[in-house]
Amino acid sequence: MSAGNFTTRGQYEGQWYIDKDPYAIYRCLSKAGTGGNAEDETLSRSEMDTKDINENDGWEFDMDLSEEAWDTMLNEFAADFMKRFPSFTRLDRGVRSHSVSANAIMQNDLFYVAVADNDWSFAIVLMEKPNANEGLMAQHYQRYLDGMKECLLTYVESVAYRTGAYTHGYVNRTSH
């Protein structure tokens, strides 16, 4: 995963990065894939081996299935997060945040939770709302950021976090 291109700017902002590969779905064009009925055979990029990826003549990227897989995970993540933190409400997908190129998907009086395309990963971002109470943001920031991590690790094996301009670390589902 190439994580870390997207970054936040506020004192009480943070992000987690998740790999895009599980949500890039390919459909088998011939029975040259892993066997079975070629009509029904699909693999995520993370399930494909090097031969499948390099030759790629037996597989075709399926935008509809990829969007469906991503939307399903994102909706389940949002539902889990809002159950954990009832002050957050869902926003229509596509609502732009206040200052960066991310789509806000949830909000409360203090923060947005947004998604940004980060080339090889998605950034799931906790962002300050303009003019929100700084004392309350300081009080809740780490709890919300940790809650995002916990909810994301329900659906993905690992999340990455920014450690510097060109570096990142990982938290695995089993190690946190």
N, C-alpha and C. Protein backbone atom coordinates (compact mmCIF):
# COMPACT_ATOMS: atom_id res chain seq x y z
N MET A 1 0.85 -1.17 0.00
CA MET A 1 0.00 0.00 0.00
C MET A 1 0.89 1.22 0.00
N SER A 2 0.61 2.13 -0.88
CA SER A 2 1.30 3.42 -0.87
C SER A 2 0.42 4.37 -0.08
N ALA A 3 0.73 4.56 1.16
CA ALA A 3 -0.09 5.40 2.03
C ALA A 3 0.63 6.69 2.33
N GLY A 4 -0.11 7.72 2.63
CA GLY A 4 0.52 8.91 3.14
C GLY A 4 0.51 10.12 2.23
N ASN A 5 -0.03 10.03 1.02
CA ASN A 5 -0.05 11.20 0.14
C ASN A 5 -0.98 12.28 0.66
N PHE A 6 -2.14 11.89 1.15
CA PHE A 6 -3.11 12.82 1.68
C PHE A 6 -2.75 13.15 3.11
N THR A 7 -2.85 14.41 3.48
CA THR A 7 -2.58 14.79 4.86
C THR A 7 -3.57 15.84 5.33
N THR A 8 -3.77 15.88 6.63
CA THR A 8 -4.67 16.86 7.22
C THR A 8 -3.86 18.07 7.66
N ARG A 9 -4.57 19.14 8.01
CA ARG A 9 -3.90 20.39 8.34
C ARG A 9 -4.18 20.91 9.75
N GLY A 10 -5.31 20.53 10.32
CA GLY A 10 -5.71 21.07 11.61
C GLY A 10 -5.06 20.38 12.79
N GLN A 11 -5.05 21.06 13.92
CA GLN A 11 -4.47 20.52 15.15
C GLN A 11 -5.19 19.27 15.62
N TYR A 12 -6.50 19.22 15.40
CA TYR A 12 -7.31 18.09 15.85
C TYR A 12 -7.84 17.32 14.65
N GLU A 13 -6.96 17.01 13.73
CA GLU A 13 -7.32 16.24 12.55
C GLU A 13 -6.37 15.07 12.41
N GLY A 14 -6.85 13.99 11.85
CA GLY A 14 -6.02 12.81 11.63
C GLY A 14 -6.65 11.92 10.59
N GLN A 15 -5.89 10.93 10.14
CA GLN A 15 -6.41 10.04 9.10
C GLN A 15 -5.84 8.65 9.25
N TRP A 16 -6.58 7.72 8.67
CA TRP A 16 -6.14 6.33 8.52
C TRP A 16 -6.19 6.04 7.04
N TYR A 17 -5.28 5.21 6.58
CA TYR A 17 -5.26 4.84 5.16
C TYR A 17 -5.61 3.36 5.05
N ILE A 18 -6.46 3.05 4.06
CA ILE A 18 -6.77 1.65 3.79
C ILE A 18 -6.48 1.35 2.33
N ASP A 19 -5.98 0.16 2.10
CA ASP A 19 -5.58 -0.30 0.78
C ASP A 19 -6.79 -0.39 -0.15
N LYS A 20 -6.62 0.02 -1.40
CA LYS A 20 -7.69 -0.07 -2.39
C LYS A 20 -7.84 -1.47 -2.97
N ASP A 21 -6.80 -2.29 -2.91
CA ASP A 21 -6.82 -3.57 -3.61
C ASP A 21 -8.01 -4.47 -3.30
N PRO A 22 -8.49 -4.58 -2.05
CA PRO A 22 -9.66 -5.44 -1.81
C PRO A 22 -10.94 -4.93 -2.48
N TYR A 23 -10.95 -3.69 -2.91
CA TYR A 23 -12.16 -3.09 -3.50
C TYR A 23 -12.03 -2.89 -5.01
N ALA A 24 -10.94 -3.34 -5.59
CA ALA A 24 -10.75 -3.34 -7.05
C ALA A 24 -11.09 -4.74 -7.53
N ILE A 25 -12.27 -4.89 -8.10
CA ILE A 25 -12.81 -6.20 -8.46
C ILE A 25 -12.61 -6.45 -9.96
N TYR A 26 -12.11 -7.63 -10.27
CA TYR A 26 -11.89 -8.05 -11.65
C TYR A 26 -12.78 -9.24 -11.96
N ARG A 27 -13.29 -9.28 -13.20
CA ARG A 27 -14.13 -10.37 -13.68
C ARG A 27 -13.32 -11.19 -14.66
N CYS A 28 -13.46 -12.52 -14.55
CA CYS A 28 -12.75 -13.43 -15.43
C CYS A 28 -13.37 -13.37 -16.83
N LEU A 29 -12.55 -13.18 -17.86
CA LEU A 29 -13.02 -13.14 -19.24
C LEU A 29 -13.01 -14.50 -19.90
N SER A 30 -12.27 -15.43 -19.34
CA SER A 30 -12.19 -16.78 -19.90
C SER A 30 -12.00 -17.76 -18.77
N LYS A 31 -12.06 -19.02 -19.09
CA LYS A 31 -11.85 -20.05 -18.07
C LYS A 31 -10.37 -20.21 -17.76
N ALA A 32 -9.54 -19.31 -18.27
CA ALA A 32 -8.11 -19.37 -18.00
C ALA A 32 -7.78 -18.92 -16.59
N GLY A 33 -8.76 -18.40 -15.87
CA GLY A 33 -8.53 -17.93 -14.51
C GLY A 33 -8.35 -19.08 -13.55
N THR A 34 -8.98 -19.02 -12.41
CA THR A 34 -8.78 -20.04 -11.37
C THR A 34 -9.73 -21.22 -11.53
N GLY A 35 -10.50 -21.28 -12.60
CA GLY A 35 -11.40 -22.40 -12.84
C GLY A 35 -12.84 -22.05 -12.54
N GLY A 36 -13.74 -22.98 -12.81
CA GLY A 36 -15.15 -22.75 -12.54
C GLY A 36 -15.83 -22.01 -13.66
N ASN A 37 -16.99 -21.50 -13.39
CA ASN A 37 -17.80 -20.79 -14.37
C ASN A 37 -17.24 -19.39 -14.56
N ALA A 38 -16.73 -19.11 -15.74
CA ALA A 38 -16.10 -17.81 -16.01
C ALA A 38 -17.08 -16.67 -15.87
N GLU A 39 -18.36 -16.93 -16.09
CA GLU A 39 -19.37 -15.87 -15.97
C GLU A 39 -19.44 -15.31 -14.55
N ASP A 40 -19.25 -16.18 -13.56
CA ASP A 40 -19.43 -15.79 -12.17
C ASP A 40 -18.12 -15.53 -11.44
N GLU A 41 -17.01 -15.75 -12.08
CA GLU A 41 -15.74 -15.68 -11.37
C GLU A 41 -15.24 -14.24 -11.26
N THR A 42 -14.98 -13.84 -10.03
CA THR A 42 -14.41 -12.52 -9.77
C THR A 42 -13.32 -12.65 -8.71
N LEU A 43 -12.37 -11.76 -8.76
CA LEU A 43 -11.32 -11.68 -7.76
C LEU A 43 -11.05 -10.21 -7.47
N SER A 44 -10.70 -9.92 -6.23
CA SER A 44 -10.22 -8.58 -5.94
C SER A 44 -8.74 -8.54 -6.32
N ARG A 45 -8.21 -7.35 -6.52
CA ARG A 45 -6.80 -7.24 -6.86
C ARG A 45 -5.92 -7.85 -5.77
N SER A 46 -6.37 -7.79 -4.52
CA SER A 46 -5.59 -8.38 -3.43
C SER A 46 -5.59 -9.90 -3.48
N GLU A 47 -6.57 -10.52 -4.14
CA GLU A 47 -6.64 -11.97 -4.27
C GLU A 47 -5.89 -12.50 -5.49
N MET A 48 -5.55 -11.61 -6.41
CA MET A 48 -4.90 -12.03 -7.65
C MET A 48 -3.43 -12.30 -7.41
N ASP A 49 -2.90 -13.28 -8.11
CA ASP A 49 -1.47 -13.53 -7.99
C ASP A 49 -0.72 -12.72 -9.06
N THR A 50 0.58 -12.77 -9.01
CA THR A 50 1.41 -11.97 -9.91
C THR A 50 1.12 -12.29 -11.36
N LYS A 51 0.91 -13.56 -11.68
CA LYS A 51 0.62 -13.96 -13.06
C LYS A 51 -0.66 -13.30 -13.56
N ASP A 52 -1.70 -13.33 -12.74
CA ASP A 52 -2.98 -12.70 -13.12
C ASP A 52 -2.79 -11.21 -13.37
N ILE A 53 -2.05 -10.55 -12.50
CA ILE A 53 -1.87 -9.11 -12.60
C ILE A 53 -1.01 -8.76 -13.80
N ASN A 54 0.09 -9.47 -14.01
CA ASN A 54 1.00 -9.15 -15.10
C ASN A 54 0.43 -9.47 -16.47
N GLU A 55 -0.23 -10.62 -16.60
CA GLU A 55 -0.77 -10.99 -17.91
C GLU A 55 -2.09 -10.29 -18.17
N ASN A 56 -2.92 -10.18 -17.16
CA ASN A 56 -4.17 -9.42 -17.19
C ASN A 56 -5.03 -9.62 -18.41
N ASP A 57 -4.69 -10.61 -19.30
CA ASP A 57 -5.53 -10.81 -20.48
C ASP A 57 -6.77 -11.64 -20.17
N GLY A 58 -6.78 -12.35 -19.05
CA GLY A 58 -7.94 -13.14 -18.69
C GLY A 58 -8.88 -12.43 -17.72
N TRP A 59 -8.53 -11.22 -17.32
CA TRP A 59 -9.29 -10.50 -16.32
C TRP A 59 -9.58 -9.09 -16.78
N GLU A 60 -10.77 -8.61 -16.41
CA GLU A 60 -11.16 -7.23 -16.76
C GLU A 60 -11.66 -6.54 -15.51
N PHE A 61 -11.20 -5.32 -15.31
CA PHE A 61 -11.65 -4.54 -14.15
C PHE A 61 -13.14 -4.28 -14.27
N ASP A 62 -13.88 -4.50 -13.20
CA ASP A 62 -15.33 -4.29 -13.19
C ASP A 62 -15.65 -3.11 -12.27
N MET A 63 -15.90 -1.96 -12.86
CA MET A 63 -16.16 -0.73 -12.11
C MET A 63 -17.39 -0.86 -11.22
N ASP A 64 -18.46 -1.47 -11.75
CA ASP A 64 -19.70 -1.58 -10.98
C ASP A 64 -19.51 -2.44 -9.73
N LEU A 65 -18.88 -3.60 -9.87
CA LEU A 65 -18.65 -4.46 -8.71
C LEU A 65 -17.68 -3.82 -7.73
N SER A 66 -16.69 -3.09 -8.25
CA SER A 66 -15.73 -2.40 -7.39
C SER A 66 -16.42 -1.32 -6.57
N GLU A 67 -17.25 -0.52 -7.21
CA GLU A 67 -17.98 0.52 -6.49
C GLU A 67 -18.93 -0.08 -5.46
N GLU A 68 -19.57 -1.19 -5.82
CA GLU A 68 -20.49 -1.85 -4.89
C GLU A 68 -19.73 -2.37 -3.66
N ALA A 69 -18.58 -2.98 -3.88
CA ALA A 69 -17.78 -3.50 -2.76
C ALA A 69 -17.33 -2.36 -1.85
N TRP A 70 -16.86 -1.26 -2.44
CA TRP A 70 -16.41 -0.11 -1.65
C TRP A 70 -17.58 0.52 -0.91
N ASP A 71 -18.70 0.74 -1.59
CA ASP A 71 -19.87 1.36 -0.96
C ASP A 71 -20.39 0.51 0.20
N THR A 72 -20.39 -0.80 0.03
CA THR A 72 -20.84 -1.70 1.10
C THR A 72 -19.97 -1.54 2.34
N MET A 73 -18.65 -1.59 2.15
CA MET A 73 -17.74 -1.45 3.29
C MET A 73 -17.90 -0.08 3.93
N LEU A 74 -17.97 0.97 3.11
CA LEU A 74 -18.07 2.32 3.64
C LEU A 74 -19.37 2.51 4.42
N ASN A 75 -20.48 1.99 3.91
CA ASN A 75 -21.76 2.09 4.61
C ASN A 75 -21.74 1.33 5.93
N GLU A 76 -21.14 0.15 5.94
CA GLU A 76 -21.05 -0.63 7.18
C GLU A 76 -20.14 0.06 8.19
N PHE A 77 -19.02 0.60 7.72
CA PHE A 77 -18.13 1.36 8.60
C PHE A 77 -18.89 2.54 9.22
N ALA A 78 -19.61 3.30 8.39
CA ALA A 78 -20.34 4.47 8.87
C ALA A 78 -21.39 4.06 9.90
N ALA A 79 -22.12 2.98 9.63
CA ALA A 79 -23.15 2.51 10.58
C ALA A 79 -22.51 2.13 11.91
N ASP A 80 -21.38 1.42 11.87
CA ASP A 80 -20.69 1.04 13.10
C ASP A 80 -20.19 2.26 13.87
N PHE A 81 -19.62 3.20 13.13
CA PHE A 81 -19.08 4.40 13.78
C PHE A 81 -20.20 5.22 14.43
N MET A 82 -21.33 5.38 13.72
CA MET A 82 -22.45 6.16 14.27
C MET A 82 -23.11 5.44 15.44
N LYS A 83 -23.07 4.12 15.46
CA LYS A 83 -23.58 3.37 16.61
C LYS A 83 -22.69 3.62 17.82
N ARG A 84 -21.39 3.66 17.60
CA ARG A 84 -20.43 3.90 18.68
C ARG A 84 -20.48 5.36 19.15
N PHE A 85 -20.68 6.28 18.20
CA PHE A 85 -20.70 7.72 18.49
C PHE A 85 -21.99 8.32 17.93
N PRO A 86 -23.09 8.26 18.69
CA PRO A 86 -24.41 8.69 18.18
C PRO A 86 -24.51 10.16 17.81
N SER A 87 -23.55 10.99 18.21
CA SER A 87 -23.61 12.40 17.82
C SER A 87 -23.33 12.59 16.33
N PHE A 88 -22.76 11.58 15.67
CA PHE A 88 -22.48 11.68 14.24
C PHE A 88 -23.70 11.28 13.43
N THR A 89 -23.91 12.00 12.34
CA THR A 89 -24.98 11.69 11.39
C THR A 89 -24.38 11.53 10.00
N ARG A 90 -25.08 10.78 9.18
CA ARG A 90 -24.62 10.49 7.82
C ARG A 90 -24.93 11.67 6.91
N LEU A 91 -24.01 11.97 6.01
CA LEU A 91 -24.20 12.98 4.97
C LEU A 91 -24.35 12.28 3.63
N ASP A 92 -25.01 12.93 2.69
CA ASP A 92 -25.06 12.39 1.34
C ASP A 92 -23.65 12.30 0.81
N ARG A 93 -23.34 11.21 0.14
CA ARG A 93 -22.00 11.05 -0.43
C ARG A 93 -21.78 12.13 -1.47
N GLY A 94 -20.62 12.70 -1.46
CA GLY A 94 -20.31 13.74 -2.43
C GLY A 94 -20.25 15.13 -1.82
N VAL A 95 -20.67 15.28 -0.56
CA VAL A 95 -20.57 16.57 0.10
C VAL A 95 -19.10 16.87 0.33
N ARG A 96 -18.64 18.00 -0.16
CA ARG A 96 -17.22 18.34 -0.03
C ARG A 96 -16.96 18.96 1.33
N SER A 97 -15.80 18.67 1.87
CA SER A 97 -15.42 19.23 3.15
C SER A 97 -15.03 20.69 3.01
N HIS A 98 -14.69 21.32 4.10
CA HIS A 98 -14.47 22.75 4.12
C HIS A 98 -13.19 23.22 3.45
N SER A 99 -12.13 22.42 3.46
CA SER A 99 -10.88 22.99 2.97
C SER A 99 -9.97 22.04 2.19
N VAL A 100 -10.31 20.78 2.10
CA VAL A 100 -9.45 19.84 1.41
C VAL A 100 -10.25 19.01 0.43
N SER A 101 -9.56 18.29 -0.42
CA SER A 101 -10.25 17.50 -1.44
C SER A 101 -10.67 16.15 -0.89
N ALA A 102 -11.64 16.17 0.01
CA ALA A 102 -12.19 14.95 0.59
C ALA A 102 -13.70 15.07 0.62
N ASN A 103 -14.38 13.95 0.53
CA ASN A 103 -15.84 13.91 0.60
C ASN A 103 -16.27 13.57 2.01
N ALA A 104 -16.98 14.49 2.65
CA ALA A 104 -17.49 14.24 4.00
C ALA A 104 -18.63 13.24 3.92
N ILE A 105 -18.60 12.21 4.77
CA ILE A 105 -19.66 11.20 4.78
C ILE A 105 -20.44 11.21 6.08
N MET A 106 -19.85 11.79 7.14
CA MET A 106 -20.52 11.91 8.44
C MET A 106 -20.09 13.22 9.08
N GLN A 107 -20.91 13.68 10.04
CA GLN A 107 -20.55 14.89 10.76
C GLN A 107 -21.23 14.90 12.13
N ASN A 108 -20.63 15.67 13.03
CA ASN A 108 -21.30 16.07 14.26
C ASN A 108 -21.01 17.57 14.43
N ASP A 109 -21.22 18.12 15.59
CA ASP A 109 -21.02 19.56 15.76
C ASP A 109 -19.55 19.97 15.72
N LEU A 110 -18.64 19.02 15.88
CA LEU A 110 -17.22 19.33 15.96
C LEU A 110 -16.41 18.91 14.74
N PHE A 111 -16.76 17.76 14.15
CA PHE A 111 -15.92 17.13 13.12
C PHE A 111 -16.72 16.64 11.94
N TYR A 112 -15.97 16.47 10.84
CA TYR A 112 -16.42 15.69 9.69
C TYR A 112 -15.62 14.39 9.69
N VAL A 113 -16.20 13.33 9.21
CA VAL A 113 -15.46 12.14 8.80
C VAL A 113 -15.58 12.12 7.29
N ALA A 114 -14.44 12.08 6.62
CA ALA A 114 -14.42 12.21 5.17
C ALA A 114 -13.56 11.11 4.54
N VAL A 115 -13.72 10.96 3.23
CA VAL A 115 -12.95 9.98 2.45
C VAL A 115 -12.23 10.73 1.35
N ALA A 116 -10.95 10.43 1.17
CA ALA A 116 -10.17 11.03 0.09
C ALA A 116 -9.48 9.93 -0.70
N ASP A 117 -9.48 10.08 -2.00
CA ASP A 117 -8.77 9.15 -2.88
C ASP A 117 -7.28 9.47 -2.77
N ASN A 118 -6.50 8.47 -2.48
CA ASN A 118 -5.08 8.66 -2.18
C ASN A 118 -4.23 7.79 -3.11
N ASP A 119 -4.55 7.78 -4.39
CA ASP A 119 -3.88 6.98 -5.41
C ASP A 119 -4.03 5.49 -5.13
N TRP A 120 -3.16 4.89 -4.32
CA TRP A 120 -3.21 3.45 -4.08
C TRP A 120 -3.96 3.09 -2.81
N SER A 121 -4.46 4.09 -2.11
CA SER A 121 -5.21 3.83 -0.88
C SER A 121 -6.33 4.87 -0.77
N PHE A 122 -7.20 4.64 0.20
CA PHE A 122 -8.21 5.62 0.57
C PHE A 122 -7.80 6.19 1.92
N ALA A 123 -7.93 7.49 2.07
CA ALA A 123 -7.71 8.13 3.36
C ALA A 123 -9.08 8.32 4.00
N ILE A 124 -9.24 7.82 5.20
CA ILE A 124 -10.45 8.04 5.99
C ILE A 124 -10.04 9.07 7.04
N VAL A 125 -10.68 10.23 6.99
CA VAL A 125 -10.15 11.42 7.64
C VAL A 125 -11.11 11.97 8.69
N LEU A 126 -10.57 12.35 9.84
CA LEU A 126 -11.30 13.10 10.85
C LEU A 126 -10.86 14.55 10.71
N MET A 127 -11.81 15.44 10.38
CA MET A 127 -11.47 16.85 10.11
C MET A 127 -12.27 17.78 10.99
N GLU A 128 -11.61 18.84 11.42
CA GLU A 128 -12.26 19.87 12.23
C GLU A 128 -13.33 20.58 11.42
N LYS A 129 -14.42 20.92 12.09
CA LYS A 129 -15.41 21.79 11.47
C LYS A 129 -15.00 23.23 11.77
N PRO A 130 -15.19 24.12 10.81
CA PRO A 130 -14.84 25.52 11.06
C PRO A 130 -15.64 26.08 12.24
N ASN A 131 -14.99 26.86 13.05
CA ASN A 131 -15.63 27.56 14.17
C ASN A 131 -16.18 26.64 15.25
N ALA A 132 -15.74 25.37 15.29
CA ALA A 132 -16.19 24.47 16.35
C ALA A 132 -15.43 24.79 17.65
N ASN A 133 -15.99 24.38 18.77
CA ASN A 133 -15.41 24.62 20.08
C ASN A 133 -14.08 23.87 20.22
N GLU A 134 -12.99 24.61 20.35
CA GLU A 134 -11.66 24.00 20.39
C GLU A 134 -11.46 23.11 21.62
N GLY A 135 -12.01 23.50 22.74
CA GLY A 135 -11.89 22.69 23.95
C GLY A 135 -12.58 21.34 23.79
N LEU A 136 -13.76 21.34 23.19
CA LEU A 136 -14.46 20.07 22.95
C LEU A 136 -13.75 19.23 21.90
N MET A 137 -13.18 19.89 20.87
CA MET A 137 -12.42 19.13 19.87
C MET A 137 -11.23 18.44 20.54
N ALA A 138 -10.52 19.16 21.39
CA ALA A 138 -9.37 18.58 22.09
C ALA A 138 -9.80 17.40 22.96
N GLN A 139 -10.96 17.52 23.58
CA GLN A 139 -11.46 16.48 24.47
C GLN A 139 -11.84 15.21 23.71
N HIS A 140 -12.41 15.33 22.51
CA HIS A 140 -12.97 14.18 21.80
C HIS A 140 -12.12 13.66 20.65
N TYR A 141 -11.14 14.43 20.19
CA TYR A 141 -10.37 14.09 19.00
C TYR A 141 -9.79 12.68 19.04
N GLN A 142 -9.01 12.35 20.06
CA GLN A 142 -8.32 11.06 20.08
C GLN A 142 -9.31 9.91 20.19
N ARG A 143 -10.38 10.10 20.94
CA ARG A 143 -11.39 9.05 21.09
C ARG A 143 -12.06 8.75 19.74
N TYR A 144 -12.38 9.80 18.97
CA TYR A 144 -12.98 9.60 17.64
C TYR A 144 -11.99 8.96 16.68
N LEU A 145 -10.74 9.40 16.70
CA LEU A 145 -9.73 8.85 15.80
C LEU A 145 -9.50 7.36 16.12
N ASP A 146 -9.42 7.03 17.40
CA ASP A 146 -9.27 5.63 17.80
C ASP A 146 -10.50 4.81 17.42
N GLY A 147 -11.68 5.41 17.57
CA GLY A 147 -12.92 4.73 17.18
C GLY A 147 -12.96 4.45 15.69
N MET A 148 -12.47 5.39 14.88
CA MET A 148 -12.39 5.15 13.43
C MET A 148 -11.51 3.94 13.16
N LYS A 149 -10.35 3.88 13.80
CA LYS A 149 -9.42 2.76 13.61
C LYS A 149 -10.09 1.44 13.99
N GLU A 150 -10.73 1.40 15.16
CA GLU A 150 -11.39 0.17 15.62
C GLU A 150 -12.46 -0.28 14.62
N CYS A 151 -13.27 0.65 14.15
CA CYS A 151 -14.33 0.30 13.20
C CYS A 151 -13.74 -0.17 11.87
N LEU A 152 -12.73 0.52 11.38
CA LEU A 152 -12.11 0.13 10.10
C LEU A 152 -11.49 -1.27 10.19
N LEU A 153 -10.86 -1.58 11.31
CA LEU A 153 -10.22 -2.88 11.45
C LEU A 153 -11.22 -4.03 11.53
N THR A 154 -12.48 -3.73 11.63
CA THR A 154 -13.52 -4.75 11.51
C THR A 154 -13.61 -5.24 10.06
N TYR A 155 -13.27 -4.37 9.11
CA TYR A 155 -13.46 -4.66 7.69
C TYR A 155 -12.17 -4.87 6.91
N VAL A 156 -11.06 -4.40 7.41
CA VAL A 156 -9.79 -4.53 6.70
C VAL A 156 -8.75 -5.17 7.63
N GLU A 157 -7.75 -5.79 7.04
CA GLU A 157 -6.70 -6.45 7.83
C GLU A 157 -5.78 -5.47 8.54
N SER A 158 -5.55 -4.31 7.90
CA SER A 158 -4.65 -3.32 8.50
C SER A 158 -5.01 -1.92 8.03
N VAL A 159 -4.62 -0.95 8.83
CA VAL A 159 -4.74 0.45 8.46
C VAL A 159 -3.35 1.06 8.58
N ALA A 160 -3.09 2.04 7.75
CA ALA A 160 -1.81 2.73 7.81
C ALA A 160 -2.01 4.11 8.41
N TYR A 161 -0.94 4.66 8.95
CA TYR A 161 -0.98 6.02 9.50
C TYR A 161 0.28 6.73 9.07
N ARG A 162 0.18 8.03 8.97
CA ARG A 162 1.29 8.86 8.51
C ARG A 162 2.31 9.04 9.62
N THR A 163 3.59 8.83 9.29
CA THR A 163 4.66 9.05 10.26
C THR A 163 5.60 10.17 9.82
N GLY A 164 5.49 10.58 8.58
CA GLY A 164 6.34 11.65 8.05
C GLY A 164 5.94 11.94 6.62
N ALA A 165 6.68 12.83 5.99
CA ALA A 165 6.33 13.27 4.64
C ALA A 165 6.24 12.11 3.65
N TYR A 166 7.12 11.14 3.75
CA TYR A 166 7.12 10.02 2.81
C TYR A 166 7.11 8.67 3.51
N THR A 167 6.69 8.64 4.74
CA THR A 167 6.72 7.38 5.49
C THR A 167 5.39 7.13 6.19
N HIS A 168 5.14 5.87 6.48
CA HIS A 168 3.92 5.49 7.19
C HIS A 168 4.17 4.21 7.97
N GLY A 169 3.31 3.97 8.94
CA GLY A 169 3.35 2.75 9.72
C GLY A 169 2.01 2.03 9.59
N TYR A 170 1.92 0.84 10.16
CA TYR A 170 0.70 0.03 10.06
C TYR A 170 0.21 -0.40 11.43
N VAL A 171 -1.09 -0.54 11.53
CA VAL A 171 -1.72 -1.21 12.66
C VAL A 171 -2.50 -2.36 12.05
N ASN A 172 -2.19 -3.59 12.50
CA ASN A 172 -2.87 -4.78 12.00
C ASN A 172 -4.03 -5.14 12.92
N ARG A 173 -5.01 -5.79 12.34
CA ARG A 173 -6.18 -6.22 13.10
C ARG A 173 -5.77 -7.06 14.30
N THR A 174 -4.81 -7.93 14.13
CA THR A 174 -4.41 -8.85 15.20
C THR A 174 -3.49 -8.22 16.23
N SER A 175 -2.85 -7.11 15.89
CA SER A 175 -1.84 -6.53 16.79
C SER A 175 -2.31 -5.32 17.59
N HIS A 176 -3.51 -4.88 17.36
CA HIS A 176 -3.91 -3.64 18.06
C HIS A 176 -4.64 -3.90 19.31
